């Protein structure tokens, strides 16, 4: 998640409208929209103002959230599928060997 997404997430959690924030900190709607959509760089002073309106520490806007549980579940699924692929390749190899043996008979 990036800064704009973090701002949007916390704004929604606080049940605030974008208008409440950009009016409170004294920037245009267009600039605020660009910030939330990561279409412009935002200076630290503006981030501090946004964090203040959201009643959070500015570090929260900069931090990368922990990976969700779904991420771990997907990694486990990928590992399981990779293990099954290895097993299938081994079985395929053995079957090819058996076919070659049968062809020779």
PDB file of N, CA and C in Angstrom:
ATOM      1  N   UNK A   1       0.856  -1.173   0.000  1.00  0.00           N
ATOM      2  CA  UNK A   1       0.000   0.000   0.000  1.00  0.00           C
ATOM      3  C   UNK A   1       0.905   1.240   0.000  1.00  0.00           C
ATOM      4  N   UNK A   2       0.503   2.262  -0.697  1.00  0.00           N
ATOM      5  CA  UNK A   2       1.305   3.478  -0.760  1.00  0.00           C
ATOM      6  C   UNK A   2       0.641   4.589   0.052  1.00  0.00           C
ATOM      7  N   UNK A   3       1.269   5.749   0.057  1.00  0.00           N
ATOM      8  CA  UNK A   3       0.796   6.852   0.902  1.00  0.00           C
ATOM      9  C   UNK A   3      -0.643   7.249   0.582  1.00  0.00           C
ATOM     10  N   UNK A   4      -0.949   7.437  -0.691  1.00  0.00           N
ATOM     11  CA  UNK A   4      -2.312   7.821  -1.070  1.00  0.00           C
ATOM     12  C   UNK A   4      -3.345   6.804  -0.630  1.00  0.00           C
ATOM     13  N   UNK A   5      -3.027   5.532  -0.810  1.00  0.00           N
ATOM     14  CA  UNK A   5      -3.955   4.474  -0.392  1.00  0.00           C
ATOM     15  C   UNK A   5      -4.106   4.463   1.128  1.00  0.00           C
ATOM     16  N   UNK A   6      -2.993   4.711   1.839  1.00  0.00           N
ATOM     17  CA  UNK A   6      -3.075   4.783   3.301  1.00  0.00           C
ATOM     18  C   UNK A   6      -3.970   5.936   3.743  1.00  0.00           C
ATOM     19  N   UNK A   7      -3.812   7.083   3.095  1.00  0.00           N
ATOM     20  CA  UNK A   7      -4.651   8.236   3.439  1.00  0.00           C
ATOM     21  C   UNK A   7      -6.121   7.894   3.229  1.00  0.00           C
ATOM     22  N   UNK A   8      -6.425   7.309   2.075  1.00  0.00           N
ATOM     23  CA  UNK A   8      -7.815   6.951   1.764  1.00  0.00           C
ATOM     24  C   UNK A   8      -8.354   5.939   2.784  1.00  0.00           C
ATOM     25  N   UNK A   9      -7.538   4.949   3.111  1.00  0.00           N
ATOM     26  CA  UNK A   9      -7.960   3.915   4.057  1.00  0.00           C
ATOM     27  C   UNK A   9      -8.310   4.531   5.411  1.00  0.00           C
ATOM     28  N   UNK A  10      -7.412   5.364   5.939  1.00  0.00           N
ATOM     29  CA  UNK A  10      -7.673   5.980   7.248  1.00  0.00           C
ATOM     30  C   UNK A  10      -8.843   6.963   7.185  1.00  0.00           C
ATOM     31  N   UNK A  11      -8.979   7.692   6.078  1.00  0.00           N
ATOM     32  CA  UNK A  11     -10.100   8.628   5.931  1.00  0.00           C
ATOM     33  C   UNK A  11     -11.415   7.864   5.987  1.00  0.00           C
ATOM     34  N   UNK A  12     -11.469   6.743   5.283  1.00  0.00           N
ATOM     35  CA  UNK A  12     -12.702   5.940   5.271  1.00  0.00           C
ATOM     36  C   UNK A  12     -12.972   5.311   6.633  1.00  0.00           C
ATOM     37  N   UNK A  13     -11.898   4.851   7.289  1.00  0.00           N
ATOM     38  CA  UNK A  13     -12.061   4.279   8.633  1.00  0.00           C
ATOM     39  C   UNK A  13     -12.632   5.309   9.600  1.00  0.00           C
ATOM     40  N   UNK A  14     -12.229   6.573   9.418  1.00  0.00           N
ATOM     41  CA  UNK A  14     -12.707   7.656  10.291  1.00  0.00           C
ATOM     42  C   UNK A  14     -14.045   8.208   9.808  1.00  0.00           C
ATOM     43  N   UNK A  15     -14.552   7.639   8.721  1.00  0.00           N
ATOM     44  CA  UNK A  15     -15.833   8.059   8.156  1.00  0.00           C
ATOM     45  C   UNK A  15     -15.826   9.532   7.759  1.00  0.00           C
ATOM     46  N   UNK A  16     -14.723   9.967   7.157  1.00  0.00           N
ATOM     47  CA  UNK A  16     -14.607  11.354   6.716  1.00  0.00           C
ATOM     48  C   UNK A  16     -14.717  11.433   5.209  1.00  0.00           C
ATOM     49  N   UNK A  17     -15.220  12.537   4.741  1.00  0.00           N
ATOM     50  CA  UNK A  17     -15.259  12.794   3.307  1.00  0.00           C
ATOM     51  C   UNK A  17     -13.971  13.516   2.918  1.00  0.00           C
ATOM     52  N   UNK A  18     -13.536  13.299   1.689  1.00  0.00           N
ATOM     53  CA  UNK A  18     -12.321  13.957   1.204  1.00  0.00           C
ATOM     54  C   UNK A  18     -12.430  15.468   1.395  1.00  0.00           C
ATOM     55  N   UNK A  19     -13.625  16.005   1.152  1.00  0.00           N
ATOM     56  CA  UNK A  19     -13.861  17.450   1.274  1.00  0.00           C
ATOM     57  C   UNK A  19     -13.518  17.965   2.669  1.00  0.00           C
ATOM     58  N   UNK A  20     -13.829  17.171   3.687  1.00  0.00           N
ATOM     59  CA  UNK A  20     -13.528  17.585   5.049  1.00  0.00           C
ATOM     60  C   UNK A  20     -12.024  17.751   5.246  1.00  0.00           C
ATOM     61  N   UNK A  21     -11.263  16.903   4.615  1.00  0.00           N
ATOM     62  CA  UNK A  21      -9.818  16.968   4.793  1.00  0.00           C
ATOM     63  C   UNK A  21      -9.211  18.112   3.993  1.00  0.00           C
ATOM     64  N   UNK A  22      -9.522  18.180   2.688  1.00  0.00           N
ATOM     65  CA  UNK A  22      -8.850  19.213   1.893  1.00  0.00           C
ATOM     66  C   UNK A  22      -9.252  20.620   2.316  1.00  0.00           C
ATOM     67  N   UNK A  23     -10.485  20.787   2.790  1.00  0.00           N
ATOM     68  CA  UNK A  23     -10.876  22.111   3.282  1.00  0.00           C
ATOM     69  C   UNK A  23     -10.160  22.446   4.591  1.00  0.00           C
ATOM     70  N   UNK A  24     -10.060  21.457   5.460  1.00  0.00           N
ATOM     71  CA  UNK A  24      -9.409  21.660   6.759  1.00  0.00           C
ATOM     72  C   UNK A  24      -7.929  22.017   6.619  1.00  0.00           C
ATOM     73  N   UNK A  25      -7.245  21.391   5.652  1.00  0.00           N
ATOM     74  CA  UNK A  25      -5.805  21.644   5.533  1.00  0.00           C
ATOM     75  C   UNK A  25      -5.480  22.733   4.512  1.00  0.00           C
ATOM     76  N   UNK A  26      -6.499  23.223   3.807  1.00  0.00           N
ATOM     77  CA  UNK A  26      -6.310  24.358   2.924  1.00  0.00           C
ATOM     78  C   UNK A  26      -5.670  24.049   1.576  1.00  0.00           C
ATOM     79  N   UNK A  27      -6.057  22.917   0.993  1.00  0.00           N
ATOM     80  CA  UNK A  27      -5.606  22.617  -0.369  1.00  0.00           C
ATOM     81  C   UNK A  27      -6.833  22.407  -1.252  1.00  0.00           C
ATOM     82  N   UNK A  28      -6.613  22.425  -2.554  1.00  0.00           N
ATOM     83  CA  UNK A  28      -7.740  22.259  -3.475  1.00  0.00           C
ATOM     84  C   UNK A  28      -8.186  20.797  -3.530  1.00  0.00           C
ATOM     85  N   UNK A  29      -9.420  20.636  -3.980  1.00  0.00           N
ATOM     86  CA  UNK A  29      -9.965  19.294  -4.161  1.00  0.00           C
ATOM     87  C   UNK A  29      -9.114  18.526  -5.154  1.00  0.00           C
ATOM     88  N   UNK A  30      -8.697  19.201  -6.194  1.00  0.00           N
ATOM     89  CA  UNK A  30      -7.906  18.560  -7.240  1.00  0.00           C
ATOM     90  C   UNK A  30      -6.563  18.072  -6.701  1.00  0.00           C
ATOM     91  N   UNK A  31      -5.912  18.896  -5.897  1.00  0.00           N
ATOM     92  CA  UNK A  31      -4.633  18.489  -5.299  1.00  0.00           C
ATOM     93  C   UNK A  31      -4.833  17.313  -4.360  1.00  0.00           C
ATOM     94  N   UNK A  32      -5.867  17.375  -3.552  1.00  0.00           N
ATOM     95  CA  UNK A  32      -6.132  16.279  -2.616  1.00  0.00           C
ATOM     96  C   UNK A  32      -6.410  14.984  -3.374  1.00  0.00           C
ATOM     97  N   UNK A  33      -7.185  15.077  -4.426  1.00  0.00           N
ATOM     98  CA  UNK A  33      -7.489  13.905  -5.243  1.00  0.00           C
ATOM     99  C   UNK A  33      -6.204  13.295  -5.809  1.00  0.00           C
ATOM    100  N   UNK A  34      -5.319  14.163  -6.274  1.00  0.00           N
ATOM    101  CA  UNK A  34      -4.034  13.682  -6.808  1.00  0.00           C
ATOM    102  C   UNK A  34      -3.222  12.978  -5.725  1.00  0.00           C
ATOM    103  N   UNK A  35      -3.292  13.503  -4.507  1.00  0.00           N
ATOM    104  CA  UNK A  35      -2.554  12.876  -3.398  1.00  0.00           C
ATOM    105  C   UNK A  35      -3.106  11.481  -3.130  1.00  0.00           C
ATOM    106  N   UNK A  36      -4.426  11.372  -2.974  1.00  0.00           N
ATOM    107  CA  UNK A  36      -5.025  10.066  -2.679  1.00  0.00           C
ATOM    108  C   UNK A  36      -4.826   9.077  -3.817  1.00  0.00           C
ATOM    109  N   UNK A  37      -4.726   9.573  -5.040  1.00  0.00           N
ATOM    110  CA  UNK A  37      -4.557   8.693  -6.199  1.00  0.00           C
ATOM    111  C   UNK A  37      -3.105   8.554  -6.634  1.00  0.00           C
ATOM    112  N   UNK A  38      -2.198   9.042  -5.802  1.00  0.00           N
ATOM    113  CA  UNK A  38      -0.757   8.927  -6.044  1.00  0.00           C
ATOM    114  C   UNK A  38      -0.332   9.495  -7.388  1.00  0.00           C
ATOM    115  N   UNK A  39      -0.916  10.609  -7.745  1.00  0.00           N
ATOM    116  CA  UNK A  39      -0.558  11.268  -9.006  1.00  0.00           C
ATOM    117  C   UNK A  39       0.306  12.497  -8.790  1.00  0.00           C
ATOM    118  N   UNK A  40       0.713  12.705  -7.547  1.00  0.00           N
ATOM    119  CA  UNK A  40       1.640  13.809  -7.271  1.00  0.00           C
ATOM    120  C   UNK A  40       2.416  13.477  -6.001  1.00  0.00           C
ATOM    121  N   UNK A  41       3.536  14.133  -5.857  1.00  0.00           N
ATOM    122  CA  UNK A  41       4.315  13.981  -4.634  1.00  0.00           C
ATOM    123  C   UNK A  41       3.710  14.897  -3.587  1.00  0.00           C
ATOM    124  N   UNK A  42       3.746  14.449  -2.359  1.00  0.00           N
ATOM    125  CA  UNK A  42       3.168  15.237  -1.280  1.00  0.00           C
ATOM    126  C   UNK A  42       4.279  15.581  -0.294  1.00  0.00           C
ATOM    127  N   UNK A  43       4.343  16.844   0.098  1.00  0.00           N
ATOM    128  CA  UNK A  43       5.398  17.255   1.026  1.00  0.00           C
ATOM    129  C   UNK A  43       5.038  16.848   2.451  1.00  0.00           C
ATOM    130  N   UNK A  44       6.059  16.792   3.278  1.00  0.00           N
ATOM    131  CA  UNK A  44       5.870  16.318   4.645  1.00  0.00           C
ATOM    132  C   UNK A  44       4.938  17.222   5.445  1.00  0.00           C
ATOM    133  N   UNK A  45       4.971  18.520   5.190  1.00  0.00           N
ATOM    134  CA  UNK A  45       4.077  19.441   5.914  1.00  0.00           C
ATOM    135  C   UNK A  45       2.607  19.101   5.640  1.00  0.00           C
ATOM    136  N   UNK A  46       2.295  18.794   4.376  1.00  0.00           N
ATOM    137  CA  UNK A  46       0.917  18.420   4.020  1.00  0.00           C
ATOM    138  C   UNK A  46       0.546  17.081   4.647  1.00  0.00           C
ATOM    139  N   UNK A  47       1.491  16.143   4.649  1.00  0.00           N
ATOM    140  CA  UNK A  47       1.229  14.842   5.281  1.00  0.00           C
ATOM    141  C   UNK A  47       0.937  15.011   6.769  1.00  0.00           C
ATOM    142  N   UNK A  48       1.686  15.887   7.405  1.00  0.00           N
ATOM    143  CA  UNK A  48       1.470  16.133   8.839  1.00  0.00           C
ATOM    144  C   UNK A  48       0.080  16.721   9.062  1.00  0.00           C
ATOM    145  N   UNK A  49      -0.345  17.633   8.208  1.00  0.00           N
ATOM    146  CA  UNK A  49      -1.690  18.226   8.329  1.00  0.00           C
ATOM    147  C   UNK A  49      -2.772  17.166   8.126  1.00  0.00           C
ATOM    148  N   UNK A  50      -2.575  16.320   7.104  1.00  0.00           N
ATOM    149  CA  UNK A  50      -3.563  15.260   6.837  1.00  0.00           C
ATOM    150  C   UNK A  50      -3.636  14.312   8.026  1.00  0.00           C
ATOM    151  N   UNK A  51      -2.470  13.908   8.534  1.00  0.00           N
ATOM    152  CA  UNK A  51      -2.438  13.007   9.693  1.00  0.00           C
ATOM    153  C   UNK A  51      -3.143  13.637  10.895  1.00  0.00           C
ATOM    154  N   UNK A  52      -2.961  14.934  11.057  1.00  0.00           N
ATOM    155  CA  UNK A  52      -3.605  15.631  12.171  1.00  0.00           C
ATOM    156  C   UNK A  52      -5.126  15.586  12.042  1.00  0.00           C
ATOM    157  N   UNK A  53      -5.636  15.832  10.842  1.00  0.00           N
ATOM    158  CA  UNK A  53      -7.083  15.778  10.620  1.00  0.00           C
ATOM    159  C   UNK A  53      -7.596  14.354  10.849  1.00  0.00           C
ATOM    160  N   UNK A  54      -6.805  13.376  10.455  1.00  0.00           N
ATOM    161  CA  UNK A  54      -7.207  11.982  10.632  1.00  0.00           C
ATOM    162  C   UNK A  54      -6.975  11.497  12.059  1.00  0.00           C
ATOM    163  N   UNK A  55      -6.309  12.352  12.865  1.00  0.00           N
ATOM    164  CA  UNK A  55      -6.005  12.020  14.254  1.00  0.00           C
ATOM    165  C   UNK A  55      -5.140  10.756  14.360  1.00  0.00           C
ATOM    166  N   UNK A  56      -4.124  10.683  13.497  1.00  0.00           N
ATOM    167  CA  UNK A  56      -3.181   9.575  13.526  1.00  0.00           C
ATOM    168  C   UNK A  56      -1.764  10.142  13.439  1.00  0.00           C
ATOM    169  N   UNK A  57      -0.800   9.313  13.753  1.00  0.00           N
ATOM    170  CA  UNK A  57       0.601   9.703  13.618  1.00  0.00           C
ATOM    171  C   UNK A  57       0.963   9.661  12.140  1.00  0.00           C
ATOM    172  N   UNK A  58       1.741  10.630  11.695  1.00  0.00           N
ATOM    173  CA  UNK A  58       2.131  10.694  10.287  1.00  0.00           C
ATOM    174  C   UNK A  58       2.841   9.406   9.850  1.00  0.00           C
ATOM    175  N   UNK A  59       3.489   8.740  10.773  1.00  0.00           N
ATOM    176  CA  UNK A  59       4.178   7.480  10.461  1.00  0.00           C
ATOM    177  C   UNK A  59       3.193   6.444   9.923  1.00  0.00           C
ATOM    178  N   UNK A  60       1.961   6.497  10.389  1.00  0.00           N
ATOM    179  CA  UNK A  60       0.945   5.551   9.911  1.00  0.00           C
ATOM    180  C   UNK A  60       0.697   5.717   8.412  1.00  0.00           C
ATOM    181  N   UNK A  61       0.807   6.934   7.929  1.00  0.00           N
ATOM    182  CA  UNK A  61       0.603   7.174   6.492  1.00  0.00           C
ATOM    183  C   UNK A  61       1.780   6.663   5.671  1.00  0.00           C
ATOM    184  N   UNK A  62       2.937   6.597   6.300  1.00  0.00           N
ATOM    185  CA  UNK A  62       4.146   6.177   5.594  1.00  0.00           C
ATOM    186  C   UNK A  62       4.405   4.686   5.718  1.00  0.00           C
ATOM    187  N   UNK A  63       3.798   4.050   6.702  1.00  0.00           N
ATOM    188  CA  UNK A  63       4.121   2.657   6.978  1.00  0.00           C
ATOM    189  C   UNK A  63       3.470   1.704   5.995  1.00  0.00           C
ATOM    190  N   UNK A  64       4.145   0.604   5.831  1.00  0.00           N
ATOM    191  CA  UNK A  64       3.633  -0.473   4.983  1.00  0.00           C
ATOM    192  C   UNK A  64       2.937  -1.462   5.907  1.00  0.00           C
ATOM    193  N   UNK A  65       1.674  -1.742   5.635  1.00  0.00           N
ATOM    194  CA  UNK A  65       0.941  -2.647   6.520  1.00  0.00           C
ATOM    195  C   UNK A  65       1.488  -4.067   6.450  1.00  0.00           C
ATOM    196  N   UNK A  66       1.206  -4.824   7.498  1.00  0.00           N
ATOM    197  CA  UNK A  66       1.602  -6.234   7.513  1.00  0.00           C
ATOM    198  C   UNK A  66       0.862  -6.969   6.406  1.00  0.00           C
ATOM    199  N   UNK A  67       1.498  -8.034   5.947  1.00  0.00           N
ATOM    200  CA  UNK A  67       0.854  -8.839   4.915  1.00  0.00           C
ATOM    201  C   UNK A  67      -0.393  -9.488   5.498  1.00  0.00           C
ATOM    202  N   UNK A  68      -1.486  -9.453   4.758  1.00  0.00           N
ATOM    203  CA  UNK A  68      -2.713 -10.060   5.270  1.00  0.00           C
ATOM    204  C   UNK A  68      -2.586 -11.582   5.340  1.00  0.00           C
ATOM    205  N   UNK A  69      -3.438 -12.184   6.141  1.00  0.00           N
ATOM    206  CA  UNK A  69      -3.430 -13.638   6.295  1.00  0.00           C
ATOM    207  C   UNK A  69      -3.602 -14.326   4.944  1.00  0.00           C
ATOM    208  N   UNK A  70      -4.373 -13.713   4.069  1.00  0.00           N
ATOM    209  CA  UNK A  70      -4.592 -14.294   2.741  1.00  0.00           C
ATOM    210  C   UNK A  70      -3.268 -14.489   2.012  1.00  0.00           C
ATOM    211  N   UNK A  71      -2.330 -13.582   2.226  1.00  0.00           N
ATOM    212  CA  UNK A  71      -1.014 -13.678   1.599  1.00  0.00           C
ATOM    213  C   UNK A  71      -0.326 -14.975   2.026  1.00  0.00           C
ATOM    214  N   UNK A  72      -0.388 -15.272   3.326  1.00  0.00           N
ATOM    215  CA  UNK A  72       0.218 -16.505   3.835  1.00  0.00           C
ATOM    216  C   UNK A  72      -0.500 -17.732   3.288  1.00  0.00           C
ATOM    217  N   UNK A  73      -1.818 -17.649   3.200  1.00  0.00           N
ATOM    218  CA  UNK A  73      -2.592 -18.763   2.653  1.00  0.00           C
ATOM    219  C   UNK A  73      -2.213 -19.017   1.191  1.00  0.00           C
ATOM    220  N   UNK A  74      -2.058 -17.937   0.431  1.00  0.00           N
ATOM    221  CA  UNK A  74      -1.683 -18.085  -0.973  1.00  0.00           C
ATOM    222  C   UNK A  74      -0.282 -18.665  -1.109  1.00  0.00           C
ATOM    223  N   UNK A  75       0.643 -18.237  -0.255  1.00  0.00           N
ATOM    224  CA  UNK A  75       1.991 -18.806  -0.295  1.00  0.00           C
ATOM    225  C   UNK A  75       1.981 -20.296   0.010  1.00  0.00           C
ATOM    226  N   UNK A  76       1.168 -20.698   0.976  1.00  0.00           N
ATOM    227  CA  UNK A  76       1.043 -22.116   1.309  1.00  0.00           C
ATOM    228  C   UNK A  76       0.469 -22.892   0.134  1.00  0.00           C
ATOM    229  N   UNK A  77      -0.550 -22.337  -0.510  1.00  0.00           N
ATOM    230  CA  UNK A  77      -1.152 -22.976  -1.675  1.00  0.00           C
ATOM    231  C   UNK A  77      -0.129 -23.112  -2.805  1.00  0.00           C
ATOM    232  N   UNK A  78       0.639 -22.065  -3.035  1.00  0.00           N
ATOM    233  CA  UNK A  78       1.665 -22.105  -4.084  1.00  0.00           C
ATOM    234  C   UNK A  78       2.684 -23.188  -3.777  1.00  0.00           C
ATOM    235  N   UNK A  79       3.133 -23.260  -2.528  1.00  0.00           N
ATOM    236  CA  UNK A  79       4.109 -24.276  -2.129  1.00  0.00           C
ATOM    237  C   UNK A  79       3.535 -25.674  -2.346  1.00  0.00           C
ATOM    238  N   UNK A  80       2.287 -25.874  -1.958  1.00  0.00           N
ATOM    239  CA  UNK A  80       1.634 -27.178  -2.143  1.00  0.00           C
ATOM    240  C   UNK A  80       1.573 -27.548  -3.622  1.00  0.00           C
ATOM    241  N   UNK A  81       1.195 -26.576  -4.463  1.00  0.00           N
ATOM    242  CA  UNK A  81       1.121 -26.835  -5.907  1.00  0.00           C
ATOM    243  C   UNK A  81       2.499 -27.132  -6.490  1.00  0.00           C
ATOM    244  N   UNK A  82       3.515 -26.410  -6.024  1.00  0.00           N
ATOM    245  CA  UNK A  82       4.874 -26.682  -6.496  1.00  0.00           C
ATOM    246  C   UNK A  82       5.311 -28.095  -6.124  1.00  0.00           C
ATOM    247  N   UNK A  83       4.977 -28.521  -4.904  1.00  0.00           N
ATOM    248  CA  UNK A  83       5.303 -29.886  -4.471  1.00  0.00           C
ATOM    249  C   UNK A  83       4.590 -30.920  -5.337  1.00  0.00           C
ATOM    250  N   UNK A  84       3.329 -30.643  -5.664  1.00  0.00           N
ATOM    251  CA  UNK A  84       2.578 -31.574  -6.512  1.00  0.00           C
ATOM    252  C   UNK A  84       3.161 -31.634  -7.918  1.00  0.00           C
ATOM    253  N   UNK A  85       3.629 -30.509  -8.424  1.00  0.00           N
ATOM    254  CA  UNK A  85       4.251 -30.484  -9.756  1.00  0.00           C
ATOM    255  C   UNK A  85       5.501 -31.351  -9.761  1.00  0.00           C
ATOM    256  N   UNK A  86       6.328 -31.234  -8.725  1.00  0.00           N
ATOM    257  CA  UNK A  86       7.536 -32.051  -8.625  1.00  0.00           C
ATOM    258  C   UNK A  86       7.163 -33.532  -8.607  1.00  0.00           C
ATOM    259  N   UNK A  87       6.161 -33.875  -7.824  1.00  0.00           N
ATOM    260  CA  UNK A  87       5.707 -35.265  -7.736  1.00  0.00           C
ATOM    261  C   UNK A  87       5.210 -35.762  -9.089  1.00  0.00           C
ATOM    262  N   UNK A  88       4.424 -34.945  -9.779  1.00  0.00           N
ATOM    263  CA  UNK A  88       3.921 -35.339 -11.096  1.00  0.00           C
ATOM    264  C   UNK A  88       5.051 -35.517 -12.107  1.00  0.00           C
ATOM    265  N   UNK A  89       6.058 -34.672 -12.036  1.00  0.00           N
ATOM    266  CA  UNK A  89       7.213 -34.817 -12.933  1.00  0.00           C
ATOM    267  C   UNK A  89       7.940 -36.128 -12.659  1.00  0.00           C
ATOM    268  N   UNK A  90       8.082 -36.465 -11.376  1.00  0.00           N
ATOM    269  CA  UNK A  90       8.724 -37.732 -11.016  1.00  0.00           C
ATOM    270  C   UNK A  90       7.902 -38.917 -11.525  1.00  0.00           C
ATOM    271  N   UNK A  91       6.589 -38.838 -11.353  1.00  0.00           N
ATOM    272  CA  UNK A  91       5.710 -39.914 -11.826  1.00  0.00           C
ATOM    273  C   UNK A  91       5.773 -40.019 -13.351  1.00  0.00           C
ATOM    274  N   UNK A  92       5.816 -38.880 -14.021  1.00  0.00           N
ATOM    275  CA  UNK A  92       5.914 -38.854 -15.473  1.00  0.00           C
ATOM    276  C   UNK A  92       7.202 -39.542 -15.925  1.00  0.00           C
ATOM    277  N   UNK A  93       8.293 -39.250 -15.256  1.00  0.00           N
ATOM    278  CA  UNK A  93       9.580 -39.858 -15.588  1.00  0.00           C
ATOM    279  C   UNK A  93       9.505 -41.374 -15.420  1.00  0.00           C
ATOM    280  N   UNK A  94       8.938 -41.832 -14.304  1.00  0.00           N
ATOM    281  CA  UNK A  94       8.819 -43.274 -14.061  1.00  0.00           C
ATOM    282  C   UNK A  94       7.933 -43.945 -15.105  1.00  0.00           C
ATOM    283  N   UNK A  95       6.856 -43.280 -15.489  1.00  0.00           N
ATOM    284  CA  UNK A  95       5.972 -43.842 -16.512  1.00  0.00           C
ATOM    285  C   UNK A  95       6.682 -43.953 -17.855  1.00  0.00           C
ATOM    286  N   UNK A  96       7.481 -42.973 -18.192  1.00  0.00           N
ATOM    287  CA  UNK A  96       8.251 -43.015 -19.438  1.00  0.00           C
ATOM    288  C   UNK A  96       9.235 -44.176 -19.414  1.00  0.00           C
ATOM    289  N   UNK A  97       9.852 -44.382 -18.256  1.00  0.00           N
ATOM    290  CA  UNK A  97      10.778 -45.516 -18.135  1.00  0.00           C
ATOM    291  C   UNK A  97      10.040 -46.839 -18.334  1.00  0.00           C
ATOM    292  N   UNK A  98       8.863 -46.957 -17.735  1.00  0.00           N
ATOM    293  CA  UNK A  98       8.070 -48.184 -17.868  1.00  0.00           C
ATOM    294  C   UNK A  98       7.652 -48.395 -19.324  1.00  0.00           C
ATOM    295  N   UNK A  99       7.283 -47.329 -20.000  1.00  0.00           N
ATOM    296  CA  UNK A  99       6.898 -47.435 -21.407  1.00  0.00           C
ATOM    297  C   UNK A  99       8.072 -47.935 -22.231  1.00  0.00           C
ATOM    298  N   UNK A 100       9.257 -47.417 -21.989  1.00  0.00           N
ATOM    299  CA  UNK A 100      10.439 -47.844 -22.714  1.00  0.00           C
ATOM    300  C   UNK A 100      10.736 -49.321 -22.456  1.00  0.00           C
ATOM    301  N   UNK A 101      10.565 -49.750 -21.226  1.00  0.00           N
ATOM    302  CA  UNK A 101      10.797 -51.152 -20.876  1.00  0.00           C
ATOM    303  C   UNK A 101       9.779 -52.031 -21.620  1.00  0.00           C
ATOM    304  N   UNK A 102       8.516 -51.603 -21.639  1.00  0.00           N
ATOM    305  CA  UNK A 102       7.468 -52.373 -22.318  1.00  0.00           C
ATOM    306  C   UNK A 102       7.695 -52.423 -23.823  1.00  0.00           C
ATOM    307  N   UNK A 103       8.213 -51.334 -24.387  1.00  0.00           N
ATOM    308  CA  UNK A 103       8.502 -51.306 -25.834  1.00  0.00           C
ATOM    309  C   UNK A 103       9.573 -52.319 -26.202  1.00  0.00           C
ATOM    310  N   UNK A 104      10.528 -52.538 -25.306  1.00  0.00           N
ATOM    311  CA  UNK A 104      11.626 -53.452 -25.574  1.00  0.00           C
ATOM    312  C   UNK A 104      11.184 -54.914 -25.500  1.00  0.00           C
ATOM    313  N   UNK A 105      10.101 -55.182 -24.844  1.00  0.00           N
ATOM    314  CA  UNK A 105       9.632 -56.570 -24.706  1.00  0.00           C
ATOM    315  C   UNK A 105       8.945 -57.057 -25.943  1.00  0.00           C
TER     316      UNK A 105
END
